[in-house]
């Protein structure tokens, strides 16, 4: 059964479209404490690329702050949040084409013009196809959603995966080695799968469903080598990976034409309901 999600408040940078190759890239430092605006800021910039269709352009600071739900604190200024996003994403990304690959940064230059209340950005021309060639095999994300999930890095990681497969209702299989990196799983959880499932997946699912971004999300264990081509089995454990299922979403309008719409309401599910929902369809043989 398909699900129609609530509308997101209108903003110039509300929608970001990327080629699926970019969706697979992981920025692990975005999960660090105090770096919670990284995903939202980066996708707002990508939205700017989508619209300007050039690698050199200006962005309005007030509009950026609006779409990322910016809240000033004594420990984190907007200028500092931008600097953190740049440092966290500037180690470079791998661009692959067949067996060939190239390692390159995304943003070449960013000027924060405080008096003019704008930002000037120069994007690496080599990465532009990731944000312009989005007619096929692309993922559309909503910057506002990353902002809603800014306090939970695992929820942002899961949200990205679900958006990639949002019309299918089922993701690809992710090997355990990939899960550990993608969800920033602590090393102490490596041999404690229930902690991964309850503390990482469980909290991520609750946050995503709280804002009705997706519904009926479930994780599924992969325990048979025949289910995957290239398996990974640490320390003889039977869990090789996971995939996720959820209620698919139609390709309908997701952004309001009005700026001040009613905020997304949380669902009224009880803790018991959530626990049942999380584990439905999971094989708990260990």
Protein backbone atom coordinates (compact mmCIF):
# COMPACT_ATOMS: atom_id res chain seq x y z
CA UNK A 1 0.00 0.00 0.00
CA UNK A 2 1.44 3.36 -1.02
CA UNK A 3 1.60 6.22 1.44
CA UNK A 4 1.27 9.96 0.82
CA UNK A 5 3.60 11.91 3.07
CA UNK A 6 2.86 15.37 4.57
CA UNK A 7 3.90 18.46 2.63
CA UNK A 8 7.18 20.15 3.50
CA UNK A 9 7.23 23.94 4.10
CA UNK A 10 8.05 25.95 0.98
CA UNK A 11 11.65 27.02 0.53
CA UNK A 12 13.84 27.70 -2.47
CA UNK A 13 16.24 24.93 -1.41
CA UNK A 14 13.65 22.38 -0.29
CA UNK A 15 14.39 19.70 -2.92
CA UNK A 16 17.77 18.20 -3.82
CA UNK A 17 18.26 15.72 -6.66
CA UNK A 18 21.39 13.60 -7.03
CA UNK A 19 22.52 10.73 -9.20
CA UNK A 20 22.34 7.48 -7.24
CA UNK A 21 26.13 7.22 -7.21
CA UNK A 22 26.20 10.23 -4.86
CA UNK A 23 23.55 8.70 -2.60
CA UNK A 24 25.94 5.83 -1.91
CA UNK A 25 28.69 8.17 -0.67
CA UNK A 26 29.14 8.23 3.11
CA UNK A 27 30.29 11.28 5.09
CA UNK A 28 31.06 9.72 8.50
CA UNK A 29 31.98 13.00 10.21
CA UNK A 30 28.40 14.24 9.81
CA UNK A 31 27.57 11.83 12.66
CA UNK A 32 29.84 13.60 15.15
CA UNK A 33 28.35 15.62 17.99
CA UNK A 34 27.87 19.27 17.04
CA UNK A 35 27.94 18.43 13.31
CA UNK A 36 24.19 17.87 13.03
CA UNK A 37 23.57 20.48 10.30
CA UNK A 38 26.03 18.96 7.80
CA UNK A 39 23.54 16.82 5.84
CA UNK A 40 20.94 19.58 5.57
CA UNK A 41 23.46 22.26 4.54
CA UNK A 42 25.11 20.05 1.93
CA UNK A 43 21.77 19.12 0.38
CA UNK A 44 20.66 22.76 0.37
CA UNK A 45 23.81 23.54 -1.64
CA UNK A 46 23.03 20.63 -3.98
CA UNK A 47 19.56 22.10 -4.45
CA UNK A 48 21.29 25.35 -5.45
CA UNK A 49 23.31 23.42 -8.05
CA UNK A 50 20.11 21.80 -9.38
CA UNK A 51 18.51 25.20 -9.86
CA UNK A 52 21.44 27.31 -11.05
CA UNK A 53 22.87 24.54 -13.27
CA UNK A 54 26.29 26.11 -13.01
CA UNK A 55 29.24 25.43 -10.74
CA UNK A 56 29.58 29.04 -9.48
CA UNK A 57 26.67 30.78 -7.75
CA UNK A 58 25.46 32.70 -4.68
CA UNK A 59 23.08 31.51 -1.95
CA UNK A 60 21.05 33.64 0.45
CA UNK A 61 21.99 33.02 4.09
CA UNK A 62 18.47 33.67 5.45
CA UNK A 63 16.93 31.12 3.06
CA UNK A 64 19.58 28.56 3.97
CA UNK A 65 18.95 29.08 7.67
CA UNK A 66 15.22 28.71 7.09
CA UNK A 67 15.41 25.37 5.27
CA UNK A 68 17.87 23.76 7.74
CA UNK A 69 15.77 24.91 10.74
CA UNK A 70 18.77 26.79 12.07
CA UNK A 71 18.94 27.49 15.81
CA UNK A 72 21.75 29.68 17.10
CA UNK A 73 23.53 28.54 20.27
CA UNK A 74 26.41 29.96 22.24
CA UNK A 75 28.55 27.03 21.12
CA UNK A 76 27.63 26.94 17.41
CA UNK A 77 27.26 29.89 15.03
CA UNK A 78 26.00 29.53 11.46
CA UNK A 79 29.48 30.42 10.23
CA UNK A 80 30.95 27.59 12.33
CA UNK A 81 28.32 25.12 11.10
CA UNK A 82 29.27 25.93 7.50
CA UNK A 83 32.95 25.43 8.29
CA UNK A 84 32.22 22.06 9.88
CA UNK A 85 30.19 20.96 6.85
CA UNK A 86 33.06 21.91 4.54
CA UNK A 87 35.69 20.11 6.59
CA UNK A 88 33.47 17.03 6.99
CA UNK A 89 32.78 16.75 3.25
CA UNK A 90 36.10 17.86 1.78
CA UNK A 91 38.13 14.69 2.19
CA UNK A 92 36.97 13.98 -1.33
CA UNK A 93 34.73 11.43 -3.02
CA UNK A 94 35.36 8.59 -5.45
CA UNK A 95 33.79 8.96 -8.89
CA UNK A 96 33.55 5.57 -10.57
CA UNK A 97 33.05 4.68 -14.22
CA UNK A 98 33.47 1.00 -14.85
CA UNK A 99 36.85 -0.01 -13.44
CA UNK A 100 38.12 3.55 -13.62
CA UNK A 101 37.79 5.98 -10.72
CA UNK A 102 38.75 9.49 -9.71
CA UNK A 103 39.20 10.93 -6.21
CA UNK A 104 38.14 14.57 -6.01
CA UNK A 105 36.55 17.17 -3.67
CA UNK A 106 33.00 18.49 -4.09
CA UNK A 107 33.36 22.17 -3.15
CA UNK A 108 36.43 24.03 -4.43
CA UNK A 109 35.70 27.34 -2.77
CA UNK A 110 33.17 28.90 -0.41
CA UNK A 111 33.07 32.59 0.52
CA UNK A 112 30.95 33.48 3.54
CA UNK A 113 30.03 37.14 2.99
CA UNK A 114 28.69 38.21 6.37
CA UNK A 115 27.80 41.83 5.52
CA UNK A 116 26.06 40.85 2.27
CA UNK A 117 24.27 37.95 4.02
CA UNK A 118 25.12 35.55 1.24
CA UNK A 119 27.47 32.72 0.36
CA UNK A 120 29.42 32.36 -2.87
CA UNK A 121 30.20 28.78 -3.87
CA UNK A 122 32.43 27.23 -6.54
CA UNK A 123 31.68 23.56 -7.17
CA UNK A 124 34.24 21.17 -8.67
CA UNK A 125 33.23 20.80 -12.37
CA UNK A 126 34.12 17.08 -12.18
CA UNK A 127 31.24 16.38 -9.79
CA UNK A 128 28.59 18.46 -11.59
CA UNK A 129 27.17 15.45 -13.51
CA UNK A 130 26.15 13.95 -10.15
CA UNK A 131 23.72 16.84 -9.68
CA UNK A 132 22.70 17.63 -13.25
CA UNK A 133 22.31 14.19 -14.87
CA UNK A 134 19.25 13.30 -12.82
CA UNK A 135 16.75 12.16 -15.43
CA UNK A 136 17.44 8.48 -14.71
CA UNK A 137 18.74 6.63 -11.64
CA UNK A 138 18.42 9.58 -9.29
CA UNK A 139 17.38 10.16 -5.69
CA UNK A 140 15.28 13.13 -4.61
CA UNK A 141 15.65 14.20 -0.98
CA UNK A 142 14.03 16.97 1.04
CA UNK A 143 16.41 19.26 2.90
CA UNK A 144 13.77 20.00 5.54
CA UNK A 145 13.66 16.29 6.42
CA UNK A 146 17.41 16.19 7.11
CA UNK A 147 16.86 19.20 9.36
CA UNK A 148 14.07 17.44 11.27
CA UNK A 149 16.40 14.48 11.84
CA UNK A 150 19.45 16.59 12.72
CA UNK A 151 19.77 15.07 16.21
CA UNK A 152 20.00 11.48 14.94
CA UNK A 153 22.72 10.64 12.40
CA UNK A 154 21.49 7.05 11.98
CA UNK A 155 18.00 8.34 11.14
CA UNK A 156 19.49 10.59 8.45
CA UNK A 157 21.43 7.63 7.03
CA UNK A 158 18.32 5.44 6.95
CA UNK A 159 16.22 8.26 5.48
CA UNK A 160 18.68 8.60 2.57
CA UNK A 161 18.40 4.88 1.85
CA UNK A 162 14.60 4.89 2.00
CA UNK A 163 14.36 7.91 -0.33
CA UNK A 164 16.43 6.05 -2.92
CA UNK A 165 13.86 3.24 -2.98
CA UNK A 166 10.79 5.21 -1.92
CA UNK A 167 8.54 4.05 -4.74
CA UNK A 168 9.53 0.38 -4.32
CA UNK A 169 9.02 -0.10 -0.59
CA UNK A 170 12.09 -2.31 -0.27
CA UNK A 171 15.81 -1.50 -0.28
CA UNK A 172 18.79 -3.41 -1.57
CA UNK A 173 20.78 -5.63 0.79
CA UNK A 174 23.48 -3.84 2.79
CA UNK A 175 26.34 -5.99 4.02
CA UNK A 176 27.15 -5.77 7.70
CA UNK A 177 30.48 -4.11 6.92
CA UNK A 178 28.60 -1.35 5.08
CA UNK A 179 26.01 -1.03 7.86
CA UNK A 180 28.74 -0.43 10.45
CA UNK A 181 30.13 2.51 8.45
CA UNK A 182 26.89 3.93 7.05
CA UNK A 183 25.17 4.04 10.45
CA UNK A 184 28.28 4.98 12.47
CA UNK A 185 27.84 1.88 14.64
CA UNK A 186 30.11 1.83 17.72
CA UNK A 187 32.77 -0.89 17.65
CA UNK A 188 31.37 -2.25 20.90
CA UNK A 189 28.18 -3.24 19.01
CA UNK A 190 29.99 -5.45 16.49
CA UNK A 191 29.14 -8.69 18.28
CA UNK A 192 25.89 -7.38 19.78
CA UNK A 193 23.35 -7.35 16.92
CA UNK A 194 20.41 -6.59 19.16
CA UNK A 195 22.09 -3.31 20.12
CA UNK A 196 22.45 -2.47 16.42
CA UNK A 197 18.82 -3.36 15.83
CA UNK A 198 17.31 -1.71 18.92
CA UNK A 199 19.61 1.23 19.61
CA UNK A 200 20.62 2.15 16.04
CA UNK A 201 17.82 0.93 13.74
CA UNK A 202 15.09 1.21 16.36
CA UNK A 203 15.79 4.83 17.28
CA UNK A 204 16.24 5.78 13.62
CA UNK A 205 12.91 4.22 12.68
CA UNK A 206 11.11 5.91 15.57
CA UNK A 207 12.44 9.35 14.58
CA UNK A 208 11.56 8.92 10.90
CA UNK A 209 8.07 7.68 11.69
CA UNK A 210 7.57 10.37 14.34
CA UNK A 211 7.58 12.96 11.54
CA UNK A 212 5.64 10.68 9.13
CA UNK A 213 8.52 10.78 6.62
CA UNK A 214 7.99 7.04 6.03
CA UNK A 215 5.73 4.47 7.69
CA UNK A 216 5.76 0.74 8.45
CA UNK A 217 9.56 0.60 8.38
CA UNK A 218 11.03 -2.80 9.21
CA UNK A 219 14.54 -4.20 9.12
CA UNK A 220 15.24 -7.72 7.92
CA UNK A 221 18.25 -9.87 8.71
CA UNK A 222 20.20 -11.64 5.99
CA UNK A 223 21.51 -14.92 7.40
CA UNK A 224 22.04 -17.10 4.31
CA UNK A 225 24.94 -16.75 1.91
CA UNK A 226 22.61 -17.70 -0.93
CA UNK A 227 20.76 -14.39 -0.37
CA UNK A 228 23.80 -12.30 -1.32
CA UNK A 229 26.65 -12.56 -3.79
CA UNK A 230 29.51 -11.14 -1.73
CA UNK A 231 28.89 -12.00 1.92
CA UNK A 232 30.61 -10.76 5.04
CA UNK A 233 30.56 -12.80 8.24
CA UNK A 234 32.52 -11.33 11.19
CA UNK A 235 33.67 -13.66 13.95
CA UNK A 236 31.51 -16.53 12.71
CA UNK A 237 28.21 -14.71 13.39
CA UNK A 238 25.26 -15.63 11.22
CA UNK A 239 24.03 -12.15 10.35
CA UNK A 240 25.55 -11.14 7.02
CA UNK A 241 23.59 -7.95 6.37
CA UNK A 242 20.22 -6.24 6.39
CA UNK A 243 17.61 -4.77 4.10
CA UNK A 244 14.65 -2.54 4.94
CA UNK A 245 11.01 -2.58 3.90
CA UNK A 246 8.43 0.20 4.26
CA UNK A 247 5.23 1.61 2.77
CA UNK A 248 6.15 2.92 -0.69
CA UNK A 249 5.42 6.51 -1.68
CA UNK A 250 3.98 7.82 -4.91
CA UNK A 251 5.80 10.51 -6.90
CA UNK A 252 3.42 13.26 -5.79
CA UNK A 253 3.83 16.87 -4.74
CA UNK A 254 5.84 17.06 -1.51
CA UNK A 255 6.59 20.76 -1.05
CA UNK A 256 3.91 23.32 -0.21
CA UNK A 257 3.48 26.51 -2.21
CA UNK A 258 2.98 28.33 1.11
CA UNK A 259 5.76 29.13 3.54
CA UNK A 260 3.77 28.82 6.77
CA UNK A 261 2.05 25.46 6.63
CA UNK A 262 1.13 23.37 9.65
CA UNK A 263 4.26 21.56 10.94
CA UNK A 264 4.48 17.82 10.43
CA UNK A 265 2.76 16.12 13.33
CA UNK A 266 4.15 13.09 15.07
CA UNK A 267 2.22 9.84 15.10
CA UNK A 268 0.48 8.74 18.30
CA UNK A 269 1.91 5.23 18.37
CA UNK A 270 2.61 3.76 21.75
CA UNK A 271 5.94 2.27 22.69
CA UNK A 272 4.37 -1.17 22.44
CA UNK A 273 3.09 -0.45 18.94
CA UNK A 274 6.53 0.76 17.86
CA UNK A 275 8.26 -2.34 19.20
CA UNK A 276 5.84 -4.61 17.37
CA UNK A 277 6.33 -2.62 14.20
CA UNK A 278 10.12 -2.74 14.41
CA UNK A 279 10.41 -6.47 14.73
CA UNK A 280 7.60 -7.71 12.53
CA UNK A 281 8.96 -9.99 9.85
CA UNK A 282 12.39 -10.37 11.47
CA UNK A 283 13.90 -13.82 11.99
CA UNK A 284 15.25 -13.77 15.55
CA UNK A 285 17.07 -17.09 15.42
CA UNK A 286 20.58 -16.38 16.65
